[in-house]
């Protein structure tokens, strides 16, 4: 008789209940989850050849990925997006300067705070001092972190959880919805909600 702990686990034919999805199946997801091998996104004043600059011609919004580029500096997008210092200042650069701003749109307040901070500290010191304001502005405009989070939640729910459900490790694929009238505002008592 075989002891309980030495008995082979019932993993189904070919052990399919212990299978995992290979990382090679989702190369873009795996690429977004790992830091860049030699670029970390920081900005150095003597970096004339832009060795540390995020990849420009990558998947959209991958150059703003905080996991792939952990030390991402606002200096890279500042010159590219806003044209803070054009090489040649002409009448057309003055006219075209308003095309990329967010005046009258939903990111207007973020841009106002970031640009006032940059104006106060100057460009050189403002890169470090205004990093939080500027990161909020870039996130509001391009939603890189929000899209990254949504992609990973979708991957977890629709691939990993589904496989575990088919293997019998989970009771359901998605979390059940909350009960009807489950949320009660904290400042009101339950008896105020229902007429007796």
N, C-alpha and C. Protein backbone atom coordinates (compact mmCIF):
# COMPACT_ATOMS: atom_id res chain seq x y z
N UNK A 1 0.85 -1.18 0.00
CA UNK A 1 0.00 0.00 0.00
C UNK A 1 0.89 1.24 0.00
N UNK A 2 0.54 2.21 -0.79
CA UNK A 2 1.33 3.43 -0.93
C UNK A 2 0.83 4.45 0.09
N UNK A 3 1.77 5.13 0.72
CA UNK A 3 1.40 6.16 1.69
C UNK A 3 0.71 7.31 0.98
N UNK A 4 -0.08 8.09 1.73
CA UNK A 4 -0.84 9.20 1.14
C UNK A 4 0.07 10.22 0.46
N UNK A 5 1.17 10.59 1.12
CA UNK A 5 2.02 11.63 0.55
C UNK A 5 2.82 11.12 -0.63
N UNK A 6 3.03 9.80 -0.74
CA UNK A 6 3.78 9.25 -1.87
C UNK A 6 2.88 8.91 -3.05
N UNK A 7 1.56 8.98 -2.86
CA UNK A 7 0.63 8.65 -3.94
C UNK A 7 0.72 9.72 -5.02
N UNK A 8 0.65 9.33 -6.27
CA UNK A 8 0.71 10.34 -7.35
C UNK A 8 -0.54 11.22 -7.32
N UNK A 9 -0.34 12.50 -7.54
CA UNK A 9 -1.46 13.44 -7.54
C UNK A 9 -2.32 13.20 -8.77
N UNK A 10 -3.62 13.39 -8.63
CA UNK A 10 -4.53 13.21 -9.74
C UNK A 10 -4.56 14.50 -10.56
N UNK A 11 -3.64 14.62 -11.49
CA UNK A 11 -3.54 15.82 -12.31
C UNK A 11 -4.13 15.64 -13.69
N UNK A 12 -4.88 14.59 -13.87
CA UNK A 12 -5.50 14.36 -15.16
C UNK A 12 -4.51 13.79 -16.16
N UNK A 13 -4.99 13.47 -17.35
CA UNK A 13 -4.08 12.94 -18.36
C UNK A 13 -3.04 13.99 -18.76
N UNK A 14 -1.81 13.53 -18.88
CA UNK A 14 -0.66 14.37 -19.24
C UNK A 14 -0.40 15.46 -18.20
N UNK A 15 -0.98 15.37 -17.02
CA UNK A 15 -0.77 16.36 -15.97
C UNK A 15 -1.31 17.74 -16.32
N UNK A 16 -2.41 17.80 -17.07
CA UNK A 16 -2.90 19.09 -17.57
C UNK A 16 -3.40 20.01 -16.47
N UNK A 17 -3.68 19.47 -15.28
CA UNK A 17 -4.15 20.34 -14.20
C UNK A 17 -3.03 21.17 -13.59
N UNK A 18 -1.80 20.90 -13.94
CA UNK A 18 -0.67 21.70 -13.45
C UNK A 18 -0.02 22.51 -14.55
N UNK A 19 -0.63 22.55 -15.73
CA UNK A 19 -0.06 23.31 -16.84
C UNK A 19 -0.13 24.80 -16.54
N UNK A 20 0.82 25.54 -17.06
CA UNK A 20 0.82 27.00 -16.98
C UNK A 20 1.01 27.55 -18.38
N UNK A 21 0.50 28.74 -18.62
CA UNK A 21 0.68 29.35 -19.93
C UNK A 21 2.14 29.78 -20.09
N UNK A 22 2.78 29.45 -21.19
CA UNK A 22 4.19 29.83 -21.36
C UNK A 22 4.33 31.33 -21.58
N UNK A 23 5.43 31.89 -21.10
CA UNK A 23 5.67 33.33 -21.25
C UNK A 23 5.84 33.72 -22.71
N UNK A 24 6.34 32.79 -23.53
CA UNK A 24 6.55 33.10 -24.94
C UNK A 24 5.23 33.29 -25.69
N UNK A 25 4.13 32.90 -25.06
CA UNK A 25 2.83 33.03 -25.70
C UNK A 25 2.39 34.50 -25.78
N UNK A 26 2.85 35.31 -24.85
CA UNK A 26 2.47 36.72 -24.79
C UNK A 26 3.74 37.57 -24.75
N UNK A 27 4.43 37.74 -25.88
CA UNK A 27 5.72 38.46 -25.84
C UNK A 27 5.59 39.93 -25.48
N UNK A 28 4.52 40.60 -25.92
CA UNK A 28 4.38 42.02 -25.60
C UNK A 28 4.10 42.24 -24.13
N UNK A 29 3.28 41.39 -23.53
CA UNK A 29 2.99 41.51 -22.09
C UNK A 29 4.26 41.29 -21.30
N UNK A 30 5.02 40.28 -21.67
CA UNK A 30 6.26 39.98 -20.96
C UNK A 30 7.28 41.11 -21.14
N UNK A 31 7.27 41.71 -22.31
CA UNK A 31 8.19 42.82 -22.56
C UNK A 31 7.83 44.03 -21.70
N UNK A 32 6.54 44.29 -21.52
CA UNK A 32 6.11 45.42 -20.70
C UNK A 32 6.41 45.20 -19.23
N UNK A 33 6.49 43.95 -18.80
CA UNK A 33 6.72 43.66 -17.38
C UNK A 33 8.19 43.64 -16.99
N UNK A 34 9.10 43.66 -17.94
CA UNK A 34 10.53 43.58 -17.62
C UNK A 34 11.21 44.90 -17.95
N UNK A 35 12.15 45.34 -17.13
CA UNK A 35 12.89 46.57 -17.43
C UNK A 35 13.75 46.42 -18.69
N UNK A 36 14.01 47.53 -19.32
CA UNK A 36 14.85 47.54 -20.52
C UNK A 36 16.25 47.08 -20.13
N UNK A 37 16.92 46.30 -20.99
CA UNK A 37 18.22 45.74 -20.59
C UNK A 37 19.31 46.78 -20.29
N UNK A 38 19.33 47.90 -21.03
CA UNK A 38 20.40 48.86 -20.77
C UNK A 38 19.92 50.31 -20.70
N UNK A 39 18.68 50.60 -21.01
CA UNK A 39 18.16 51.96 -20.90
C UNK A 39 17.24 52.04 -19.69
N UNK A 40 17.44 53.05 -18.86
CA UNK A 40 16.54 53.22 -17.72
C UNK A 40 15.75 54.52 -17.78
N UNK A 41 15.94 55.31 -18.85
CA UNK A 41 15.13 56.50 -19.06
C UNK A 41 15.63 57.76 -18.40
N UNK A 42 16.76 57.71 -17.70
CA UNK A 42 17.22 58.94 -17.04
C UNK A 42 17.85 59.88 -18.07
N UNK A 43 17.92 61.14 -17.72
CA UNK A 43 18.44 62.17 -18.61
C UNK A 43 19.74 62.72 -18.03
N UNK A 44 20.76 62.71 -18.83
CA UNK A 44 22.04 63.30 -18.43
C UNK A 44 22.39 64.39 -19.42
N UNK A 45 22.94 65.47 -18.91
CA UNK A 45 23.21 66.63 -19.78
C UNK A 45 24.23 66.34 -20.86
N UNK A 46 25.14 65.42 -20.62
CA UNK A 46 26.17 65.15 -21.62
C UNK A 46 25.81 63.96 -22.52
N UNK A 47 24.57 63.53 -22.50
CA UNK A 47 24.14 62.39 -23.31
C UNK A 47 23.74 62.88 -24.70
N UNK A 48 24.73 63.17 -25.53
CA UNK A 48 24.46 63.72 -26.86
C UNK A 48 23.90 62.68 -27.81
N UNK A 49 24.22 61.43 -27.58
CA UNK A 49 23.77 60.38 -28.49
C UNK A 49 22.52 59.68 -27.99
N UNK A 50 21.90 60.20 -26.97
CA UNK A 50 20.66 59.70 -26.39
C UNK A 50 20.70 58.19 -26.17
N UNK A 51 21.74 57.76 -25.47
CA UNK A 51 21.88 56.33 -25.19
C UNK A 51 20.82 55.84 -24.20
N UNK A 52 20.35 56.73 -23.31
CA UNK A 52 19.41 56.32 -22.27
C UNK A 52 17.97 56.70 -22.59
N UNK A 53 17.75 57.33 -23.74
CA UNK A 53 16.40 57.76 -24.10
C UNK A 53 15.50 56.56 -24.35
N UNK A 54 14.24 56.61 -23.92
CA UNK A 54 13.30 55.52 -24.22
C UNK A 54 13.13 55.37 -25.74
N UNK A 55 12.83 54.17 -26.16
CA UNK A 55 12.67 53.89 -27.59
C UNK A 55 11.51 54.69 -28.15
N UNK A 56 11.79 55.49 -29.17
CA UNK A 56 10.75 56.32 -29.77
C UNK A 56 9.79 55.50 -30.63
N UNK A 57 10.35 54.56 -31.38
CA UNK A 57 9.54 53.83 -32.35
C UNK A 57 9.15 52.47 -31.78
N UNK A 58 8.55 52.50 -30.63
CA UNK A 58 8.13 51.28 -29.94
C UNK A 58 6.62 51.19 -30.02
N UNK A 59 6.06 50.20 -29.36
CA UNK A 59 4.61 50.09 -29.25
C UNK A 59 4.09 51.40 -28.65
N UNK A 60 2.92 51.91 -29.09
CA UNK A 60 2.43 53.18 -28.55
C UNK A 60 2.38 53.19 -27.02
N UNK A 61 2.82 54.25 -26.45
CA UNK A 61 2.89 54.53 -25.01
C UNK A 61 3.88 53.65 -24.27
N UNK A 62 4.67 52.82 -24.97
CA UNK A 62 5.69 52.01 -24.28
C UNK A 62 6.85 52.87 -23.82
N UNK A 63 7.06 54.00 -24.48
CA UNK A 63 8.16 54.87 -24.05
C UNK A 63 7.83 55.58 -22.73
N UNK A 64 6.58 55.53 -22.29
CA UNK A 64 6.18 56.13 -21.02
C UNK A 64 5.93 55.09 -19.94
N UNK A 65 6.31 53.85 -20.19
CA UNK A 65 6.07 52.75 -19.26
C UNK A 65 7.03 52.85 -18.06
N UNK A 66 6.51 53.03 -16.83
CA UNK A 66 7.40 53.17 -15.66
C UNK A 66 8.07 51.87 -15.24
N UNK A 67 7.56 50.73 -15.68
CA UNK A 67 8.21 49.46 -15.34
C UNK A 67 9.39 49.23 -16.28
N UNK A 68 9.19 49.53 -17.55
CA UNK A 68 10.27 49.33 -18.53
C UNK A 68 11.39 50.35 -18.36
N UNK A 69 11.05 51.58 -18.00
CA UNK A 69 12.04 52.65 -17.77
C UNK A 69 11.83 53.19 -16.37
N UNK A 70 12.47 52.61 -15.35
CA UNK A 70 12.17 52.99 -13.96
C UNK A 70 12.60 54.40 -13.59
N UNK A 71 13.61 54.97 -14.21
CA UNK A 71 14.08 56.32 -13.87
C UNK A 71 13.71 57.31 -14.95
N UNK A 72 12.54 57.19 -15.50
CA UNK A 72 12.13 58.02 -16.64
C UNK A 72 12.12 59.49 -16.27
N UNK A 73 12.82 60.27 -17.05
CA UNK A 73 12.93 61.71 -16.80
C UNK A 73 11.92 62.46 -17.65
N UNK A 74 11.34 63.54 -17.13
CA UNK A 74 10.41 64.33 -17.94
C UNK A 74 11.11 65.10 -19.05
N UNK A 75 12.44 65.16 -19.03
CA UNK A 75 13.15 65.93 -20.04
C UNK A 75 12.93 65.38 -21.44
N UNK A 76 12.75 64.06 -21.58
CA UNK A 76 12.60 63.48 -22.91
C UNK A 76 11.31 63.93 -23.57
N UNK A 77 10.21 63.92 -22.84
CA UNK A 77 8.95 64.32 -23.44
C UNK A 77 8.78 65.83 -23.48
N UNK A 78 9.48 66.54 -22.59
CA UNK A 78 9.32 67.98 -22.53
C UNK A 78 9.72 68.65 -23.83
N UNK A 79 10.86 68.29 -24.35
CA UNK A 79 11.32 68.91 -25.59
C UNK A 79 10.53 68.40 -26.79
N UNK A 80 10.18 67.11 -26.77
CA UNK A 80 9.49 66.54 -27.91
C UNK A 80 8.03 66.99 -27.98
N UNK A 81 7.34 66.99 -26.85
CA UNK A 81 5.91 67.26 -26.86
C UNK A 81 5.59 68.76 -26.89
N UNK A 82 6.36 69.52 -26.13
CA UNK A 82 6.01 70.93 -26.00
C UNK A 82 6.92 71.85 -26.78
N UNK A 83 8.02 71.34 -27.29
CA UNK A 83 8.91 72.20 -28.06
C UNK A 83 9.36 73.40 -27.25
N UNK A 84 9.80 73.13 -26.01
CA UNK A 84 10.16 74.21 -25.10
C UNK A 84 11.25 75.07 -25.70
N UNK A 85 12.20 74.46 -26.35
CA UNK A 85 13.31 75.21 -26.94
C UNK A 85 13.46 74.81 -28.40
N UNK A 86 12.72 75.43 -29.31
CA UNK A 86 12.90 75.09 -30.72
C UNK A 86 14.26 75.53 -31.21
N UNK A 87 14.79 74.82 -32.19
CA UNK A 87 16.11 75.17 -32.70
C UNK A 87 16.11 76.54 -33.35
N UNK A 88 15.05 76.84 -34.12
CA UNK A 88 14.93 78.14 -34.77
C UNK A 88 13.59 78.74 -34.38
N UNK A 89 13.62 79.88 -33.75
CA UNK A 89 12.38 80.52 -33.33
C UNK A 89 11.91 81.43 -34.46
N UNK A 90 10.74 81.12 -34.99
CA UNK A 90 10.18 81.90 -36.09
C UNK A 90 8.73 82.25 -35.77
N UNK A 91 8.13 82.92 -36.70
CA UNK A 91 6.73 83.26 -36.59
C UNK A 91 5.87 82.00 -36.53
N UNK A 92 6.25 80.97 -37.28
CA UNK A 92 5.46 79.74 -37.35
C UNK A 92 5.59 78.92 -36.06
N UNK A 93 6.74 78.97 -35.39
CA UNK A 93 6.84 78.26 -34.11
C UNK A 93 5.97 78.94 -33.06
N UNK A 94 5.83 80.25 -33.14
CA UNK A 94 4.94 80.95 -32.21
C UNK A 94 3.48 80.59 -32.47
N UNK A 95 3.11 80.47 -33.72
CA UNK A 95 1.73 80.12 -34.06
C UNK A 95 1.45 78.67 -33.67
N UNK A 96 2.38 77.77 -33.97
CA UNK A 96 2.16 76.35 -33.73
C UNK A 96 2.34 75.94 -32.29
N UNK A 97 2.81 76.84 -31.44
CA UNK A 97 3.03 76.49 -30.04
C UNK A 97 1.77 76.14 -29.28
N UNK A 98 0.65 76.69 -29.71
CA UNK A 98 -0.61 76.43 -29.00
C UNK A 98 -1.29 75.15 -29.45
N UNK A 99 -0.77 74.48 -30.46
CA UNK A 99 -1.46 73.30 -30.99
C UNK A 99 -1.37 72.10 -30.06
N UNK A 100 -0.31 71.99 -29.29
CA UNK A 100 -0.13 70.81 -28.45
C UNK A 100 -0.55 71.04 -27.00
N UNK A 101 -1.05 72.20 -26.68
CA UNK A 101 -1.43 72.40 -25.28
C UNK A 101 -2.84 71.87 -25.04
N UNK A 102 -3.22 71.81 -23.77
CA UNK A 102 -4.50 71.22 -23.40
C UNK A 102 -5.48 72.27 -22.88
N UNK A 103 -5.33 73.49 -23.30
CA UNK A 103 -6.22 74.55 -22.83
C UNK A 103 -7.66 74.24 -23.24
N UNK A 104 -8.56 74.29 -22.27
CA UNK A 104 -9.96 74.02 -22.52
C UNK A 104 -10.31 72.55 -22.58
N UNK A 105 -9.38 71.69 -22.27
CA UNK A 105 -9.65 70.24 -22.28
C UNK A 105 -9.52 69.69 -20.87
N UNK A 106 -9.64 68.38 -20.73
CA UNK A 106 -9.71 67.80 -19.39
C UNK A 106 -8.37 67.79 -18.66
N UNK A 107 -7.24 67.99 -19.33
CA UNK A 107 -5.93 68.00 -18.66
C UNK A 107 -5.43 69.42 -18.42
N UNK A 108 -6.29 70.38 -18.55
CA UNK A 108 -5.90 71.79 -18.48
C UNK A 108 -5.25 72.14 -17.13
N UNK A 109 -5.84 71.68 -16.03
CA UNK A 109 -5.31 72.03 -14.70
C UNK A 109 -3.95 71.40 -14.45
N UNK A 110 -3.76 70.16 -14.92
CA UNK A 110 -2.46 69.51 -14.76
C UNK A 110 -1.38 70.28 -15.53
N UNK A 111 -1.72 70.69 -16.74
CA UNK A 111 -0.74 71.42 -17.54
C UNK A 111 -0.42 72.78 -16.92
N UNK A 112 -1.43 73.44 -16.41
CA UNK A 112 -1.21 74.74 -15.79
C UNK A 112 -0.28 74.63 -14.58
N UNK A 113 -0.52 73.63 -13.73
CA UNK A 113 0.34 73.44 -12.55
C UNK A 113 1.77 73.07 -12.96
N UNK A 114 1.91 72.18 -13.94
CA UNK A 114 3.24 71.75 -14.36
C UNK A 114 4.02 72.89 -14.99
N UNK A 115 3.37 73.67 -15.85
CA UNK A 115 4.08 74.75 -16.53
C UNK A 115 4.39 75.91 -15.57
N UNK A 116 3.52 76.16 -14.60
CA UNK A 116 3.84 77.19 -13.61
C UNK A 116 5.01 76.77 -12.74
N UNK A 117 5.07 75.49 -12.40
CA UNK A 117 6.20 74.98 -11.63
C UNK A 117 7.49 75.09 -12.44
N UNK A 118 7.43 74.73 -13.72
CA UNK A 118 8.62 74.84 -14.57
C UNK A 118 9.04 76.29 -14.75
N UNK A 119 8.07 77.18 -14.82
CA UNK A 119 8.40 78.60 -14.96
C UNK A 119 9.06 79.13 -13.69
N UNK A 120 8.61 78.63 -12.54
CA UNK A 120 9.17 79.09 -11.27
C UNK A 120 10.61 78.60 -11.08
N UNK A 121 10.84 77.32 -11.33
CA UNK A 121 12.16 76.74 -11.08
C UNK A 121 13.10 76.86 -12.27
N UNK A 122 12.60 77.09 -13.46
CA UNK A 122 13.43 77.06 -14.65
C UNK A 122 13.53 75.63 -15.16
N UNK A 123 13.94 75.51 -16.42
CA UNK A 123 13.94 74.18 -17.04
C UNK A 123 14.94 73.24 -16.39
N UNK A 124 16.11 73.73 -16.09
CA UNK A 124 17.16 72.82 -15.60
C UNK A 124 16.80 72.25 -14.23
N UNK A 125 16.40 73.09 -13.29
CA UNK A 125 16.01 72.60 -11.97
C UNK A 125 14.60 72.02 -11.97
N UNK A 126 13.76 72.51 -12.88
CA UNK A 126 12.38 72.07 -12.93
C UNK A 126 12.22 70.62 -13.33
N UNK A 127 13.20 70.08 -14.06
CA UNK A 127 13.13 68.67 -14.45
C UNK A 127 13.03 67.78 -13.21
N UNK A 128 13.76 68.12 -12.16
CA UNK A 128 13.69 67.34 -10.93
C UNK A 128 12.60 67.84 -9.98
N UNK A 129 12.48 69.17 -9.85
CA UNK A 129 11.55 69.73 -8.87
C UNK A 129 10.08 69.52 -9.27
N UNK A 130 9.80 69.52 -10.56
CA UNK A 130 8.41 69.45 -11.02
C UNK A 130 8.06 68.10 -11.60
N UNK A 131 8.83 67.08 -11.27
CA UNK A 131 8.62 65.76 -11.86
C UNK A 131 7.22 65.20 -11.56
N UNK A 132 6.73 65.41 -10.35
CA UNK A 132 5.41 64.87 -9.99
C UNK A 132 4.29 65.54 -10.79
N UNK A 133 4.36 66.88 -10.88
CA UNK A 133 3.33 67.60 -11.64
C UNK A 133 3.36 67.17 -13.10
N UNK A 134 4.56 67.08 -13.64
CA UNK A 134 4.70 66.75 -15.06
C UNK A 134 4.28 65.30 -15.33
N UNK A 135 4.59 64.40 -14.42
CA UNK A 135 4.15 63.01 -14.58
C UNK A 135 2.63 62.92 -14.58
N UNK A 136 1.97 63.70 -13.74
CA UNK A 136 0.50 63.71 -13.73
C UNK A 136 -0.05 64.23 -15.06
N UNK A 137 0.60 65.25 -15.61
CA UNK A 137 0.16 65.79 -16.89
C UNK A 137 0.31 64.76 -18.00
N UNK A 138 1.45 64.11 -18.06
CA UNK A 138 1.69 63.11 -19.11
C UNK A 138 0.75 61.92 -18.96
N UNK A 139 0.48 61.52 -17.72
CA UNK A 139 -0.47 60.43 -17.50
C UNK A 139 -1.88 60.83 -17.92
N UNK A 140 -2.24 62.08 -17.66
CA UNK A 140 -3.57 62.54 -18.05
C UNK A 140 -3.70 62.59 -19.58
N UNK A 141 -2.63 62.99 -20.27
CA UNK A 141 -2.69 63.10 -21.72
C UNK A 141 -2.63 61.75 -22.42
N UNK A 142 -1.73 60.88 -21.99
CA UNK A 142 -1.48 59.65 -22.74
C UNK A 142 -1.98 58.38 -22.05
N UNK A 143 -2.27 58.45 -20.77
CA UNK A 143 -2.85 57.33 -20.00
C UNK A 143 -2.03 56.05 -20.13
N UNK A 144 -0.71 56.17 -20.06
CA UNK A 144 0.17 55.00 -20.22
C UNK A 144 0.01 54.03 -19.05
N UNK A 145 0.00 54.54 -17.82
CA UNK A 145 -0.12 53.66 -16.65
C UNK A 145 -1.52 53.04 -16.58
N UNK A 146 -2.53 53.83 -16.92
CA UNK A 146 -3.90 53.32 -16.89
C UNK A 146 -4.08 52.19 -17.91
N UNK A 147 -3.55 52.38 -19.12
CA UNK A 147 -3.66 51.34 -20.15
C UNK A 147 -2.87 50.10 -19.78
N UNK A 148 -1.71 50.30 -19.17
CA UNK A 148 -0.88 49.18 -18.74
C UNK A 148 -1.61 48.37 -17.67
N UNK A 149 -2.22 49.06 -16.71
CA UNK A 149 -2.96 48.39 -15.64
C UNK A 149 -4.16 47.63 -16.21
N UNK A 150 -4.87 48.24 -17.15
CA UNK A 150 -6.04 47.58 -17.76
C UNK A 150 -5.62 46.34 -18.54
N UNK A 151 -4.50 46.44 -19.27
CA UNK A 151 -4.01 45.28 -20.03
C UNK A 151 -3.66 44.11 -19.12
N UNK A 152 -3.01 44.41 -18.00
CA UNK A 152 -2.60 43.34 -17.10
C UNK A 152 -3.80 42.75 -16.35
N UNK A 153 -4.79 43.57 -16.01
CA UNK A 153 -6.00 43.03 -15.39
C UNK A 153 -6.75 42.14 -16.36
N UNK A 154 -6.83 42.56 -17.62
CA UNK A 154 -7.48 41.74 -18.64
C UNK A 154 -6.75 40.41 -18.81
N UNK A 155 -5.42 40.46 -18.84
CA UNK A 155 -4.63 39.24 -19.00
C UNK A 155 -4.83 38.30 -17.81
N UNK A 156 -4.83 38.84 -16.63
CA UNK A 156 -5.00 38.01 -15.42
C UNK A 156 -6.38 37.36 -15.40
N UNK A 157 -7.41 38.14 -15.70
CA UNK A 157 -8.77 37.61 -15.62
C UNK A 157 -9.08 36.64 -16.76
N UNK A 158 -8.69 36.98 -17.96
CA UNK A 158 -9.14 36.22 -19.11
C UNK A 158 -8.20 35.10 -19.54
N UNK A 159 -7.01 35.06 -19.00
CA UNK A 159 -6.11 33.97 -19.35
C UNK A 159 -5.76 33.13 -18.12
N UNK A 160 -5.15 33.76 -17.12
CA UNK A 160 -4.71 33.01 -15.95
C UNK A 160 -5.89 32.45 -15.16
N UNK A 161 -6.87 33.29 -14.85
CA UNK A 161 -8.02 32.82 -14.07
C UNK A 161 -8.85 31.80 -14.83
N UNK A 162 -8.97 31.98 -16.14
CA UNK A 162 -9.76 31.04 -16.95
C UNK A 162 -9.09 29.66 -16.98
N UNK A 163 -7.77 29.65 -17.12
CA UNK A 163 -7.05 28.37 -17.11
C UNK A 163 -7.20 27.67 -15.76
N UNK A 164 -7.09 28.44 -14.66
CA UNK A 164 -7.28 27.84 -13.34
C UNK A 164 -8.71 27.33 -13.15
N UNK A 165 -9.67 28.01 -13.74
CA UNK A 165 -11.07 27.55 -13.65
C UNK A 165 -11.24 26.22 -14.37
N UNK A 166 -10.65 26.10 -15.56
CA UNK A 166 -10.76 24.84 -16.31
C UNK A 166 -10.01 23.71 -15.62
N UNK A 167 -8.97 24.05 -14.88
CA UNK A 167 -8.22 23.03 -14.16
C UNK A 167 -8.89 22.64 -12.84
N UNK A 168 -9.91 23.36 -12.44
CA UNK A 168 -10.63 23.04 -11.22
C UNK A 168 -10.05 23.70 -9.98
N UNK A 169 -9.17 24.68 -10.13
CA UNK A 169 -8.56 25.35 -8.97
C UNK A 169 -9.39 26.53 -8.49
N UNK A 170 -10.30 27.02 -9.32
CA UNK A 170 -11.15 28.17 -8.97
C UNK A 170 -12.61 27.79 -9.15
N UNK A 171 -13.48 28.44 -8.37
CA UNK A 171 -14.91 28.19 -8.50
C UNK A 171 -15.54 29.03 -9.62
N UNK A 172 -14.96 30.19 -9.89
CA UNK A 172 -15.51 31.08 -10.89
C UNK A 172 -14.36 31.84 -11.55
N UNK A 173 -14.60 32.33 -12.76
CA UNK A 173 -13.55 33.03 -13.49
C UNK A 173 -13.42 34.46 -12.97
N UNK A 174 -14.53 35.16 -12.89
CA UNK A 174 -14.54 36.55 -12.43
C UNK A 174 -15.11 36.62 -11.02
N UNK A 175 -14.78 37.69 -10.33
CA UNK A 175 -15.35 37.90 -9.00
C UNK A 175 -16.85 38.16 -9.15
N UNK A 176 -17.66 37.66 -8.22
CA UNK A 176 -19.10 37.92 -8.33
C UNK A 176 -19.39 39.40 -8.07
N UNK A 177 -20.44 39.92 -8.68
CA UNK A 177 -20.76 41.33 -8.46
C UNK A 177 -21.25 41.55 -7.03
N UNK A 178 -21.16 42.77 -6.52
CA UNK A 178 -21.66 43.01 -5.16
C UNK A 178 -23.18 42.87 -5.10
N UNK A 179 -23.67 42.65 -3.91
CA UNK A 179 -25.11 42.50 -3.73
C UNK A 179 -25.81 43.82 -4.03
N UNK A 180 -27.06 43.69 -4.41
CA UNK A 180 -27.85 44.88 -4.70
C UNK A 180 -28.01 45.71 -3.43
N UNK A 181 -27.82 46.99 -3.49
CA UNK A 181 -27.85 47.91 -2.35
C UNK A 181 -26.80 47.54 -1.30
N UNK A 182 -25.63 47.09 -1.76
CA UNK A 182 -24.58 46.70 -0.82
C UNK A 182 -23.87 47.92 -0.25
N UNK A 183 -23.83 49.02 -0.99
CA UNK A 183 -23.12 50.20 -0.53
C UNK A 183 -24.07 51.12 0.21
N UNK A 184 -23.72 51.46 1.42
CA UNK A 184 -24.47 52.44 2.19
C UNK A 184 -23.52 53.59 2.49
N UNK A 185 -23.96 54.79 2.23
CA UNK A 185 -23.11 55.95 2.49
C UNK A 185 -22.77 56.01 3.98
N UNK A 186 -21.55 56.36 4.34
CA UNK A 186 -21.15 56.30 5.75
C UNK A 186 -21.86 57.31 6.65
N UNK A 187 -22.37 58.40 6.08
CA UNK A 187 -23.00 59.41 6.94
C UNK A 187 -24.49 59.16 7.15
N UNK A 188 -25.04 58.16 6.49
CA UNK A 188 -26.46 57.86 6.66
C UNK A 188 -26.64 56.52 7.35
N UNK A 189 -27.72 56.39 8.06
CA UNK A 189 -28.03 55.14 8.75
C UNK A 189 -28.90 54.27 7.84
N UNK A 190 -28.83 52.95 8.01
CA UNK A 190 -29.63 52.07 7.13
C UNK A 190 -31.13 52.33 7.20
N UNK A 191 -31.64 52.77 8.35
CA UNK A 191 -33.08 52.99 8.44
C UNK A 191 -33.54 54.19 7.60
N UNK A 192 -32.61 55.07 7.19
CA UNK A 192 -32.99 56.20 6.36
C UNK A 192 -33.20 55.79 4.90
N UNK A 193 -32.69 54.62 4.52
CA UNK A 193 -32.77 54.21 3.14
C UNK A 193 -34.13 53.60 2.78
N UNK A 194 -34.71 52.88 3.71
CA UNK A 194 -35.90 52.11 3.41
C UNK A 194 -37.07 52.62 4.24
N UNK A 195 -38.20 52.76 3.63
CA UNK A 195 -39.41 53.16 4.35
C UNK A 195 -40.02 51.94 5.02
N UNK A 196 -40.43 52.12 6.26
CA UNK A 196 -41.01 51.00 6.99
C UNK A 196 -42.50 51.17 7.10
